[in-house]
Amino acid sequence: MIETIQYNKVQWLDITNPTEDDYRLLLEKYEFHPLDIEDCRGTTQRPKIDEYDDYYFLILHFPYFDQSNKNIRIREVKIFWGRDYIITVGKAHWVVKKLFDEMNEDLAEGDEETQEMMATSDQLLYHILNRLMLETNTLVQRVGAEVDLINYEIFNKRPRAIIEQISVTRRNIILLNTTFRPQLRVLHMFESGGIKGFVDPELIDMEDYWGNILDQYQKMFDLVEDYGELIEGLSQTFDSLLTNRTNEIMRVLTIFNTVMLPLTVLTGIFGMNVEFPFPMGPATFFVIAAIMVVMTAVLLFFLNRRTK
């Protein structure tokens, strides 16, 4: 299904669930390269920008939370960028569809800000990328909040829940890192002037806008790397806490066994059904109990000094 919004000469076509007829239209009407159409059919492409004489083809990756609201997933955003058009193809990030619907409504109401966003295809592309950056930044900030929560609860919460939190957060951070790293090279092409665009630089200097996109992305990438180091440190701290707790348990059990062993031997000897070389009277029980108390006190005193 192809949906279109237009202001003056600039069009934005959103093809959410492209069919073969839609792909044929892109090939025949816009004369896009067949390899780009093949990339649109796929779902596991690397981030890139292909440059042609009259258009650019972009594949960019942006994260979002799945239905469980815990795990991060990655959605490809595929964009054909020409002088008078932007074409988004496939099930892109939900932000793209939301922005499309908002701009469609605002243009129908004559909103001047939206008209300015649609003044050129370069400006439209910038606003699409900027909205995606804002949403991605919100997601990254949430991951950071989860790292802070783990740091706060690592000494208070049950080990099983902490292990699950660390595992999910570490996976999300790794996924963000592997998404951001290769895409930085692509975005650098905008800021460095490798991608010229179509607007006249004397009318609008887009390099400042592309620089803003790159700055936002670089800042998020730096945050993700910091969160990665923090979660690794928290994981090691948690492992140390578990080891320390295990050692404390083993220490208590060792002391208990050490104290009980001689007492068990003593009670076993006097519990034998044999005659002893000394008389056994009513006071014998209290003598044996006193001996056991003294032995326990001596062993505890000795073990306490040895474990300090």
Protein backbone atom coordinates (compact mmCIF):
# COMPACT_ATOMS: atom_id res chain seq x y z
CA MET A 1 0.00 0.00 0.00
CA ILE A 2 1.40 3.38 -1.05
CA GLU A 3 0.47 6.47 0.97
CA THR A 4 1.53 9.93 -0.22
CA ILE A 5 1.79 13.39 1.24
CA GLN A 6 2.86 16.34 -0.88
CA TYR A 7 3.72 19.99 -0.42
CA ASN A 8 4.57 21.98 -3.53
CA LYS A 9 6.93 19.74 -5.50
CA VAL A 10 8.14 17.58 -2.61
CA GLN A 11 6.52 14.19 -2.05
CA TRP A 12 6.84 11.65 0.74
CA LEU A 13 5.73 8.17 -0.29
CA ASP A 14 5.37 5.58 2.46
CA ILE A 15 5.11 1.99 1.26
CA THR A 16 4.43 -0.04 4.42
CA ASN A 17 3.79 -3.52 2.99
CA PRO A 18 5.26 -3.41 -0.52
CA THR A 19 3.95 -5.83 -3.13
CA GLU A 20 5.55 -6.87 -6.40
CA ASP A 21 3.47 -4.22 -8.15
CA ASP A 22 4.96 -1.60 -5.84
CA TYR A 23 8.48 -2.80 -6.58
CA ARG A 24 7.70 -2.74 -10.30
CA LEU A 25 6.48 0.85 -9.94
CA LEU A 26 9.75 1.84 -8.27
CA LEU A 27 11.73 0.20 -11.06
CA GLU A 28 9.74 1.65 -13.96
CA LYS A 29 8.72 5.10 -12.73
CA TYR A 30 11.74 6.07 -10.66
CA GLU A 31 14.26 3.81 -12.39
CA PHE A 32 15.88 2.69 -9.18
CA HIS A 33 18.71 0.20 -9.40
CA PRO A 34 17.49 -3.45 -9.30
CA LEU A 35 19.96 -4.24 -6.50
CA ASP A 36 18.34 -1.57 -4.34
CA ILE A 37 14.96 -3.19 -4.94
CA GLU A 38 16.45 -6.54 -3.90
CA ASP A 39 17.72 -4.90 -0.73
CA CYS A 40 14.20 -3.67 -0.04
CA ARG A 41 12.94 -7.24 -0.25
CA GLY A 42 15.50 -8.41 2.32
CA THR A 43 15.35 -7.87 6.07
CA THR A 44 18.96 -8.27 7.22
CA GLN A 45 20.94 -5.58 5.41
CA ARG A 46 23.90 -3.66 6.78
CA PRO A 47 23.66 0.14 7.22
CA LYS A 48 24.78 1.91 4.04
CA ILE A 49 24.26 4.76 1.60
CA ASP A 50 24.36 4.04 -2.13
CA GLU A 51 24.92 7.14 -4.27
CA TYR A 52 23.59 7.44 -7.83
CA ASP A 53 23.32 10.26 -10.32
CA ASP A 54 19.84 11.35 -9.32
CA TYR A 55 19.10 9.70 -5.97
CA TYR A 56 20.51 8.12 -2.82
CA PHE A 57 19.47 4.84 -1.24
CA LEU A 58 19.82 4.58 2.54
CA ILE A 59 19.54 1.63 4.89
CA LEU A 60 19.74 2.62 8.54
CA HIS A 61 19.06 0.67 11.74
CA PHE A 62 17.19 2.00 14.77
CA PRO A 63 16.28 0.20 18.03
CA TYR A 64 12.94 -0.22 19.77
CA PHE A 65 11.56 -2.26 22.67
CA ASP A 66 9.55 -5.38 21.82
CA GLN A 67 6.10 -6.21 23.19
CA SER A 68 7.55 -7.43 26.48
CA ASN A 69 9.00 -3.91 26.92
CA LYS A 70 12.26 -5.47 28.11
CA ASN A 71 14.24 -6.65 25.11
CA ILE A 72 15.53 -4.34 22.38
CA ARG A 73 14.95 -5.20 18.73
CA ILE A 74 16.31 -3.51 15.61
CA ARG A 75 14.22 -2.25 12.69
CA GLU A 76 15.63 -1.31 9.30
CA VAL A 77 14.68 2.04 7.80
CA LYS A 78 15.02 2.00 3.99
CA ILE A 79 14.82 5.34 2.23
CA PHE A 80 15.05 6.46 -1.38
CA TRP A 81 16.09 10.11 -1.39
CA GLY A 82 15.69 12.14 -4.57
CA ARG A 83 15.54 15.79 -5.46
CA ASP A 84 11.78 16.07 -5.03
CA TYR A 85 10.85 12.98 -3.07
CA ILE A 86 11.46 10.76 -0.06
CA ILE A 87 10.29 7.15 -0.33
CA THR A 88 10.25 4.94 2.78
CA VAL A 89 9.85 1.25 2.00
CA GLY A 90 8.89 -1.70 4.18
CA LYS A 91 7.96 -2.07 7.84
CA ALA A 92 10.19 0.70 9.12
CA HIS A 93 10.55 1.90 12.70
CA TRP A 94 7.18 2.91 14.18
CA VAL A 95 8.43 6.51 14.54
CA VAL A 96 8.52 6.86 10.73
CA LYS A 97 4.87 5.91 10.36
CA LYS A 98 3.85 8.13 13.27
CA LEU A 99 5.69 11.13 11.80
CA PHE A 100 4.11 10.46 8.39
CA ASP A 101 0.61 10.48 9.87
CA GLU A 102 1.30 13.62 11.93
CA MET A 103 2.64 15.54 8.94
CA ASN A 104 -0.27 14.41 6.80
CA GLU A 105 -2.72 15.83 9.33
CA ASP A 106 -0.73 19.03 9.89
CA LEU A 107 -0.46 19.75 6.15
CA ALA A 108 -4.21 19.33 5.79
CA GLU A 109 -4.60 22.00 8.49
CA GLY A 110 -2.06 24.30 6.82
CA ASP A 111 0.56 24.07 9.58
CA GLU A 112 3.46 26.37 8.63
CA GLU A 113 6.09 24.43 10.57
CA THR A 114 5.23 21.23 8.71
CA GLN A 115 5.26 23.11 5.41
CA GLU A 116 8.78 24.26 6.20
CA MET A 117 9.80 20.67 6.97
CA MET A 118 8.50 19.70 3.52
CA ALA A 119 10.20 22.60 1.71
CA THR A 120 12.94 20.37 0.29
CA SER A 121 13.64 16.66 0.32
CA ASP A 122 16.86 17.33 2.28
CA GLN A 123 14.94 19.05 5.06
CA LEU A 124 12.34 16.29 5.11
CA LEU A 125 15.04 13.63 5.41
CA TYR A 126 16.67 15.58 8.22
CA HIS A 127 13.42 15.75 10.19
CA ILE A 128 12.83 12.01 9.72
CA LEU A 129 16.33 11.21 10.99
CA ASN A 130 16.05 13.75 13.80
CA ARG A 131 12.79 12.21 15.06
CA LEU A 132 14.42 8.77 14.98
CA MET A 133 17.40 10.15 16.91
CA LEU A 134 15.15 11.62 19.59
CA GLU A 135 13.33 8.33 20.06
CA THR A 136 16.62 6.40 20.13
CA ASN A 137 17.99 8.81 22.73
CA THR A 138 14.95 8.16 24.93
CA LEU A 139 15.59 4.43 24.61
CA VAL A 140 19.29 4.83 25.48
CA GLN A 141 18.39 6.93 28.53
CA ARG A 142 16.07 4.17 29.67
CA VAL A 143 18.86 1.60 29.35
CA GLY A 144 21.00 3.92 31.46
CA ALA A 145 18.25 4.08 34.09
CA GLU A 146 18.18 0.27 34.17
CA VAL A 147 21.94 0.21 34.79
CA ASP A 148 21.49 2.69 37.66
CA LEU A 149 18.68 0.54 39.08
CA ILE A 150 20.91 -2.54 39.04
CA ASN A 151 23.63 -0.55 40.77
CA TYR A 152 21.14 0.43 43.48
CA GLU A 153 19.54 -2.99 43.97
CA ILE A 154 22.62 -5.17 43.62
CA PHE A 155 23.04 -5.27 47.42
CA ASN A 156 19.36 -5.59 48.25
CA LYS A 157 17.55 -7.77 45.74
CA ARG A 158 17.43 -11.53 45.38
CA PRO A 159 20.30 -12.98 43.32
CA ARG A 160 18.02 -14.61 40.74
CA ALA A 161 16.26 -11.32 39.89
CA ILE A 162 19.57 -9.43 39.68
CA ILE A 163 21.09 -12.07 37.40
CA GLU A 164 18.08 -11.75 35.07
CA GLN A 165 18.31 -7.94 35.06
CA ILE A 166 22.05 -7.98 34.34
CA SER A 167 21.61 -10.54 31.56
CA VAL A 168 18.82 -8.61 29.79
CA THR A 169 20.55 -5.23 30.16
CA ARG A 170 23.90 -6.58 28.97
CA ARG A 171 22.24 -8.11 25.91
CA ASN A 172 20.50 -4.83 25.10
CA ILE A 173 23.73 -2.86 25.45
CA ILE A 174 25.63 -5.28 23.20
CA LEU A 175 22.89 -5.04 20.59
CA LEU A 176 22.97 -1.23 20.71
CA ASN A 177 26.75 -1.22 20.43
CA THR A 178 26.78 -3.50 17.39
CA THR A 179 24.06 -1.33 15.80
CA PHE A 180 25.66 2.05 16.47
CA ARG A 181 29.27 1.23 15.57
CA PRO A 182 28.89 0.50 11.81
CA GLN A 183 26.28 3.23 11.38
CA LEU A 184 28.62 5.97 12.60
CA ARG A 185 30.65 5.58 9.42
CA VAL A 186 27.51 6.08 7.34
CA LEU A 187 26.46 9.22 9.20
CA HIS A 188 29.99 10.64 8.97
CA MET A 189 29.47 10.77 5.19
CA PHE A 190 26.79 13.43 5.71
CA GLU A 191 28.79 15.64 8.03
CA SER A 192 32.05 15.34 6.06
CA GLY A 193 30.42 16.43 2.81
CA GLY A 194 30.62 13.01 1.19
CA ILE A 195 26.87 13.21 0.66
CA LYS A 196 26.03 16.47 -1.12
CA GLY A 197 22.26 16.29 -1.12
CA PHE A 198 20.05 18.25 -3.50
CA VAL A 199 19.41 21.62 -1.87
CA ASP A 200 21.43 24.64 -2.97
CA PRO A 201 24.04 25.36 -0.20
CA GLU A 202 23.53 29.09 -0.75
CA LEU A 203 19.86 28.73 0.23
CA ILE A 204 20.24 26.24 3.12
CA ASP A 205 23.50 24.98 4.58
CA MET A 206 22.56 21.40 5.40
CA GLU A 207 26.00 20.52 6.77
CA ASP A 208 25.03 22.08 10.10
CA TYR A 209 21.90 19.93 10.21
CA TRP A 210 23.79 16.75 9.32
CA GLY A 211 26.37 17.68 11.95
CA ASN A 212 23.59 17.86 14.52
CA ILE A 213 22.44 14.35 13.58
CA LEU A 214 25.99 13.03 13.88
CA ASP A 215 26.53 14.77 17.23
CA GLN A 216 23.39 13.19 18.65
CA TYR A 217 24.39 9.77 17.40
CA GLN A 218 27.98 10.07 18.64
CA LYS A 219 26.75 11.12 22.08
CA MET A 220 24.42 8.11 22.27
CA PHE A 221 27.20 5.80 21.12
CA ASP A 222 29.51 7.14 23.84
CA LEU A 223 26.76 6.60 26.44
CA VAL A 224 26.21 3.02 25.27
CA GLU A 225 29.93 2.28 25.58
CA ASP A 226 29.93 3.76 29.10
CA TYR A 227 26.90 1.66 30.03
CA GLY A 228 28.68 -1.40 28.67
CA GLU A 229 31.66 -0.81 30.95
CA LEU A 230 29.36 -0.13 33.91
CA ILE A 231 27.31 -3.31 33.43
CA GLU A 232 30.49 -5.37 33.16
CA GLY A 233 31.75 -3.82 36.39
CA LEU A 234 28.41 -4.46 38.11
CA SER A 235 28.46 -8.05 36.87
CA GLN A 236 31.90 -8.60 38.35
CA THR A 237 30.84 -6.93 41.61
CA PHE A 238 27.78 -9.16 41.80
CA ASP A 239 29.91 -12.26 41.17
CA SER A 240 32.20 -11.14 44.00
CA LEU A 241 29.19 -10.66 46.28
CA LEU A 242 27.90 -14.15 45.50
CA THR A 243 31.37 -15.61 46.10
CA ASN A 244 31.63 -13.73 49.39
CA ARG A 245 28.20 -14.95 50.50
CA THR A 246 29.14 -18.51 49.59
CA ASN A 247 32.38 -18.19 51.55
CA GLU A 248 30.47 -16.84 54.55
CA ILE A 249 28.07 -19.80 54.41
CA MET A 250 30.98 -22.24 54.12
CA ARG A 251 32.73 -20.49 57.03
CA VAL A 252 29.68 -20.88 59.27
CA LEU A 253 29.24 -24.54 58.28
CA THR A 254 32.93 -25.22 58.86
CA ILE A 255 32.82 -23.66 62.32
CA PHE A 256 29.67 -25.61 63.14
CA ASN A 257 31.17 -28.92 61.98
CA THR A 258 34.46 -28.21 63.74
CA VAL A 259 32.69 -27.52 67.02
CA MET A 260 30.29 -30.45 66.72
CA LEU A 261 32.85 -33.08 65.75
CA PRO A 262 34.62 -33.46 69.14
CA LEU A 263 31.29 -33.17 70.93
CA THR A 264 29.91 -35.95 68.78
CA VAL A 265 32.94 -38.11 69.58
CA LEU A 266 32.55 -37.41 73.30
CA THR A 267 28.83 -38.21 73.37
CA GLY A 268 29.47 -41.31 71.26
CA ILE A 269 32.01 -42.62 73.77
CA PHE A 270 29.75 -42.13 76.76
CA GLY A 271 26.79 -43.45 74.83
CA MET A 272 28.38 -46.91 74.41
CA ASN A 273 26.78 -49.73 76.36
CA VAL A 274 30.00 -50.78 78.13
CA GLU A 275 31.44 -50.49 81.61
CA PHE A 276 33.74 -47.52 82.21
CA PRO A 277 36.89 -47.75 84.37
CA PHE A 278 35.46 -45.09 86.68
CA PRO A 279 32.15 -45.07 88.54
CA MET A 280 29.13 -43.48 86.81
CA GLY A 281 26.86 -41.59 89.14
CA PRO A 282 24.13 -38.92 88.96
CA ALA A 283 26.75 -36.19 88.80
CA THR A 284 28.43 -37.71 85.72
CA PHE A 285 25.93 -36.05 83.36
CA PHE A 286 26.77 -32.60 84.67
CA VAL A 287 30.50 -33.32 84.45
CA ILE A 288 30.17 -34.39 80.81
CA ALA A 289 27.99 -31.34 80.01
CA ALA A 290 30.54 -29.05 81.64
CA ILE A 291 33.34 -30.65 79.60
CA MET A 292 31.31 -30.11 76.39
CA VAL A 293 30.65 -26.46 77.27
CA VAL A 294 34.34 -25.84 77.96
CA MET A 295 35.35 -27.59 74.72
CA THR A 296 32.85 -25.50 72.75
CA ALA A 297 34.07 -22.24 74.28
CA VAL A 298 37.73 -23.12 73.64
CA LEU A 299 37.06 -24.10 70.01
CA LEU A 300 35.00 -20.97 69.31
CA PHE A 301 37.69 -18.77 70.86
CA PHE A 302 40.40 -20.46 68.80
CA LEU A 303 38.44 -20.36 65.51
CA ASN A 304 37.50 -16.70 66.07
CA ARG A 305 41.15 -15.75 66.47
CA ARG A 306 42.17 -17.75 63.39
CA THR A 307 39.50 -16.24 61.10
CA LYS A 308 40.17 -12.57 61.94
